[in-house]
Amino acid sequence: MKRFVNGLLISIMALTTFFQMTLQVNAEITAPVPEYAKWGKLAVNKTKDKYPNAQVIDYLHIGKEENNRISKEKFKLIVRQNSKEFGVFVTIEFNEDTEEVRNISFQETTP
């Protein structure tokens, strides 16, 4: 009987440790989604539309500007088309309250 109880306690401790480790790993994997992620996805998709034969190989959020409820999210994407790599600054201007996009601009630059 004593062996059974000891085995049961060891099993419970092992399961508890396993679940604690699983919860810790899952907590580390789940990171908060930044506010600009939605606009970054739009920037990537619109860049792919503008350069249909190119591949977006890198992405950087530069920042956000706000003025009178009109916001601008700015990104720099690195694009590869054929064997050429170049940068594209993408600025998305939108209404802060409605999130309606007012303008999207592109400016090519060096990578």
C-alpha atoms as a PDB file:
ATOM      1  CA  MET A   1       0.000   0.000   0.000  1.00  0.00           C
ATOM      2  CA  LYS A   2       2.840   2.352   0.901  1.00  0.00           C
ATOM      3  CA  ARG A   3       4.448   1.779  -2.531  1.00  0.00           C
ATOM      4  CA  PHE A   4       1.163   2.578  -4.231  1.00  0.00           C
ATOM      5  CA  VAL A   5       0.776   5.855  -2.321  1.00  0.00           C
ATOM      6  CA  ASN A   6       4.399   6.821  -3.008  1.00  0.00           C
ATOM      7  CA  GLY A   7       3.987   6.006  -6.711  1.00  0.00           C
ATOM      8  CA  LEU A   8       0.768   7.993  -6.831  1.00  0.00           C
ATOM      9  CA  LEU A   9       2.435  11.016  -5.207  1.00  0.00           C
ATOM     10  CA  ILE A  10       5.374  10.849  -7.604  1.00  0.00           C
ATOM     11  CA  SER A  11       2.978  10.636 -10.557  1.00  0.00           C
ATOM     12  CA  ILE A  12       1.004  13.630  -9.310  1.00  0.00           C
ATOM     13  CA  MET A  13       4.206  15.653  -8.819  1.00  0.00           C
ATOM     14  CA  ALA A  14       5.426  14.721 -12.296  1.00  0.00           C
ATOM     15  CA  LEU A  15       2.106  15.709 -13.904  1.00  0.00           C
ATOM     16  CA  THR A  16       2.041  18.984 -11.974  1.00  0.00           C
ATOM     17  CA  THR A  17       5.567  19.812 -13.157  1.00  0.00           C
ATOM     18  CA  PHE A  18       4.638  18.897 -16.743  1.00  0.00           C
ATOM     19  CA  PHE A  19       1.568  21.157 -16.729  1.00  0.00           C
ATOM     20  CA  GLN A  20       3.516  24.031 -15.178  1.00  0.00           C
ATOM     21  CA  MET A  21       6.184  23.719 -17.882  1.00  0.00           C
ATOM     22  CA  THR A  22       3.537  23.539 -20.608  1.00  0.00           C
ATOM     23  CA  LEU A  23       1.822  26.672 -19.304  1.00  0.00           C
ATOM     24  CA  GLN A  24       5.144  28.506 -19.126  1.00  0.00           C
ATOM     25  CA  VAL A  25       6.082  27.562 -22.716  1.00  0.00           C
ATOM     26  CA  ASN A  26       2.639  28.577 -24.009  1.00  0.00           C
ATOM     27  CA  ALA A  27       2.855  31.916 -22.183  1.00  0.00           C
ATOM     28  CA  GLU A  28       6.235  32.610 -23.816  1.00  0.00           C
ATOM     29  CA  ILE A  29       4.945  31.754 -27.294  1.00  0.00           C
ATOM     30  CA  THR A  30       1.881  33.982 -27.029  1.00  0.00           C
ATOM     31  CA  ALA A  31       3.063  37.556 -27.482  1.00  0.00           C
ATOM     32  CA  PRO A  32       0.777  40.561 -27.665  1.00  0.00           C
ATOM     33  CA  VAL A  33      -0.051  41.734 -31.176  1.00  0.00           C
ATOM     34  CA  PRO A  34       1.203  45.292 -31.722  1.00  0.00           C
ATOM     35  CA  GLU A  35      -1.350  47.963 -32.655  1.00  0.00           C
ATOM     36  CA  TYR A  36       0.326  48.586 -36.006  1.00  0.00           C
ATOM     37  CA  ALA A  37       0.140  44.923 -37.133  1.00  0.00           C
ATOM     38  CA  LYS A  38      -3.080  45.468 -39.074  1.00  0.00           C
ATOM     39  CA  TRP A  39      -1.526  48.396 -40.956  1.00  0.00           C
ATOM     40  CA  GLY A  40       1.676  46.450 -41.551  1.00  0.00           C
ATOM     41  CA  LYS A  41      -0.281  43.662 -43.188  1.00  0.00           C
ATOM     42  CA  LEU A  42      -2.000  46.231 -45.417  1.00  0.00           C
ATOM     43  CA  ALA A  43       1.386  47.784 -46.289  1.00  0.00           C
ATOM     44  CA  VAL A  44       2.766  44.381 -47.303  1.00  0.00           C
ATOM     45  CA  ASN A  45      -0.325  43.487 -49.364  1.00  0.00           C
ATOM     46  CA  LYS A  46      -0.422  46.841 -51.179  1.00  0.00           C
ATOM     47  CA  THR A  47       3.315  46.599 -51.890  1.00  0.00           C
ATOM     48  CA  LYS A  48       2.754  43.154 -53.392  1.00  0.00           C
ATOM     49  CA  ASP A  49      -0.021  44.673 -55.544  1.00  0.00           C
ATOM     50  CA  LYS A  50       2.278  47.485 -56.708  1.00  0.00           C
ATOM     51  CA  TYR A  51       5.199  45.105 -57.383  1.00  0.00           C
ATOM     52  CA  PRO A  52       3.473  41.855 -58.415  1.00  0.00           C
ATOM     53  CA  ASN A  53       6.696  40.152 -59.564  1.00  0.00           C
ATOM     54  CA  ALA A  54       8.543  40.973 -56.359  1.00  0.00           C
ATOM     55  CA  GLN A  55       8.925  39.295 -52.995  1.00  0.00           C
ATOM     56  CA  VAL A  56       8.817  41.201 -49.700  1.00  0.00           C
ATOM     57  CA  ILE A  57      11.806  39.893 -47.769  1.00  0.00           C
ATOM     58  CA  ASP A  58      11.917  42.218 -44.743  1.00  0.00           C
ATOM     59  CA  TYR A  59       9.657  44.598 -42.852  1.00  0.00           C
ATOM     60  CA  LEU A  60      10.199  47.418 -40.380  1.00  0.00           C
ATOM     61  CA  HIS A  61       7.638  49.567 -38.559  1.00  0.00           C
ATOM     62  CA  ILE A  62       9.084  53.069 -38.492  1.00  0.00           C
ATOM     63  CA  GLY A  63       6.425  54.729 -36.391  1.00  0.00           C
ATOM     64  CA  LYS A  64       3.106  56.489 -36.135  1.00  0.00           C
ATOM     65  CA  GLU A  65       2.233  60.171 -36.511  1.00  0.00           C
ATOM     66  CA  GLU A  66      -1.060  61.666 -35.325  1.00  0.00           C
ATOM     67  CA  ASN A  67      -2.536  65.052 -36.225  1.00  0.00           C
ATOM     68  CA  ASN A  68      -6.198  66.094 -35.763  1.00  0.00           C
ATOM     69  CA  ARG A  69      -7.502  62.492 -35.663  1.00  0.00           C
ATOM     70  CA  ILE A  70      -5.643  61.705 -38.906  1.00  0.00           C
ATOM     71  CA  SER A  71      -2.893  59.160 -38.368  1.00  0.00           C
ATOM     72  CA  LYS A  72      -0.011  57.946 -40.495  1.00  0.00           C
ATOM     73  CA  GLU A  73       1.631  54.565 -39.986  1.00  0.00           C
ATOM     74  CA  LYS A  74       5.041  54.338 -41.647  1.00  0.00           C
ATOM     75  CA  PHE A  75       6.886  51.201 -42.722  1.00  0.00           C
ATOM     76  CA  LYS A  76      10.004  50.271 -44.643  1.00  0.00           C
ATOM     77  CA  LEU A  77       9.843  47.083 -46.669  1.00  0.00           C
ATOM     78  CA  ILE A  78      12.753  45.422 -48.413  1.00  0.00           C
ATOM     79  CA  VAL A  79      11.687  43.996 -51.747  1.00  0.00           C
ATOM     80  CA  ARG A  80      13.467  41.614 -54.119  1.00  0.00           C
ATOM     81  CA  GLN A  81      12.510  41.708 -57.782  1.00  0.00           C
ATOM     82  CA  ASN A  82      14.549  39.479 -60.095  1.00  0.00           C
ATOM     83  CA  SER A  83      18.057  39.896 -58.652  1.00  0.00           C
ATOM     84  CA  LYS A  84      17.545  43.487 -57.485  1.00  0.00           C
ATOM     85  CA  GLU A  85      16.796  44.430 -53.871  1.00  0.00           C
ATOM     86  CA  PHE A  86      15.405  47.817 -52.930  1.00  0.00           C
ATOM     87  CA  GLY A  87      13.557  49.474 -50.106  1.00  0.00           C
ATOM     88  CA  VAL A  88      10.043  50.843 -50.228  1.00  0.00           C
ATOM     89  CA  PHE A  89       8.769  53.337 -47.693  1.00  0.00           C
ATOM     90  CA  VAL A  90       5.024  52.836 -47.282  1.00  0.00           C
ATOM     91  CA  THR A  91       2.902  55.450 -45.524  1.00  0.00           C
ATOM     92  CA  ILE A  92      -0.713  54.673 -44.699  1.00  0.00           C
ATOM     93  CA  GLU A  93      -2.841  57.691 -43.822  1.00  0.00           C
ATOM     94  CA  PHE A  94      -6.162  56.963 -42.118  1.00  0.00           C
ATOM     95  CA  ASN A  95      -8.927  58.430 -39.976  1.00  0.00           C
ATOM     96  CA  GLU A  96      -8.179  57.533 -36.356  1.00  0.00           C
ATOM     97  CA  ASP A  97     -11.859  57.222 -35.402  1.00  0.00           C
ATOM     98  CA  THR A  98     -13.196  55.205 -38.342  1.00  0.00           C
ATOM     99  CA  GLU A  99      -9.914  53.611 -39.511  1.00  0.00           C
ATOM    100  CA  GLU A 100     -10.903  54.585 -43.063  1.00  0.00           C
ATOM    101  CA  VAL A 101      -7.798  54.683 -45.259  1.00  0.00           C
ATOM    102  CA  ARG A 102      -7.346  58.079 -46.887  1.00  0.00           C
ATOM    103  CA  ASN A 103      -4.115  57.505 -48.779  1.00  0.00           C
ATOM    104  CA  ILE A 104      -1.289  55.010 -49.244  1.00  0.00           C
ATOM    105  CA  SER A 105       2.000  56.286 -50.624  1.00  0.00           C
ATOM    106  CA  PHE A 106       5.130  54.460 -51.762  1.00  0.00           C
ATOM    107  CA  GLN A 107       8.664  55.759 -52.096  1.00  0.00           C
ATOM    108  CA  GLU A 108      11.503  53.597 -53.355  1.00  0.00           C
ATOM    109  CA  THR A 109      14.852  53.841 -51.585  1.00  0.00           C
ATOM    110  CA  THR A 110      18.063  51.908 -51.138  1.00  0.00           C
ATOM    111  CA  PRO A 111      17.769  48.745 -49.034  1.00  0.00           C
END
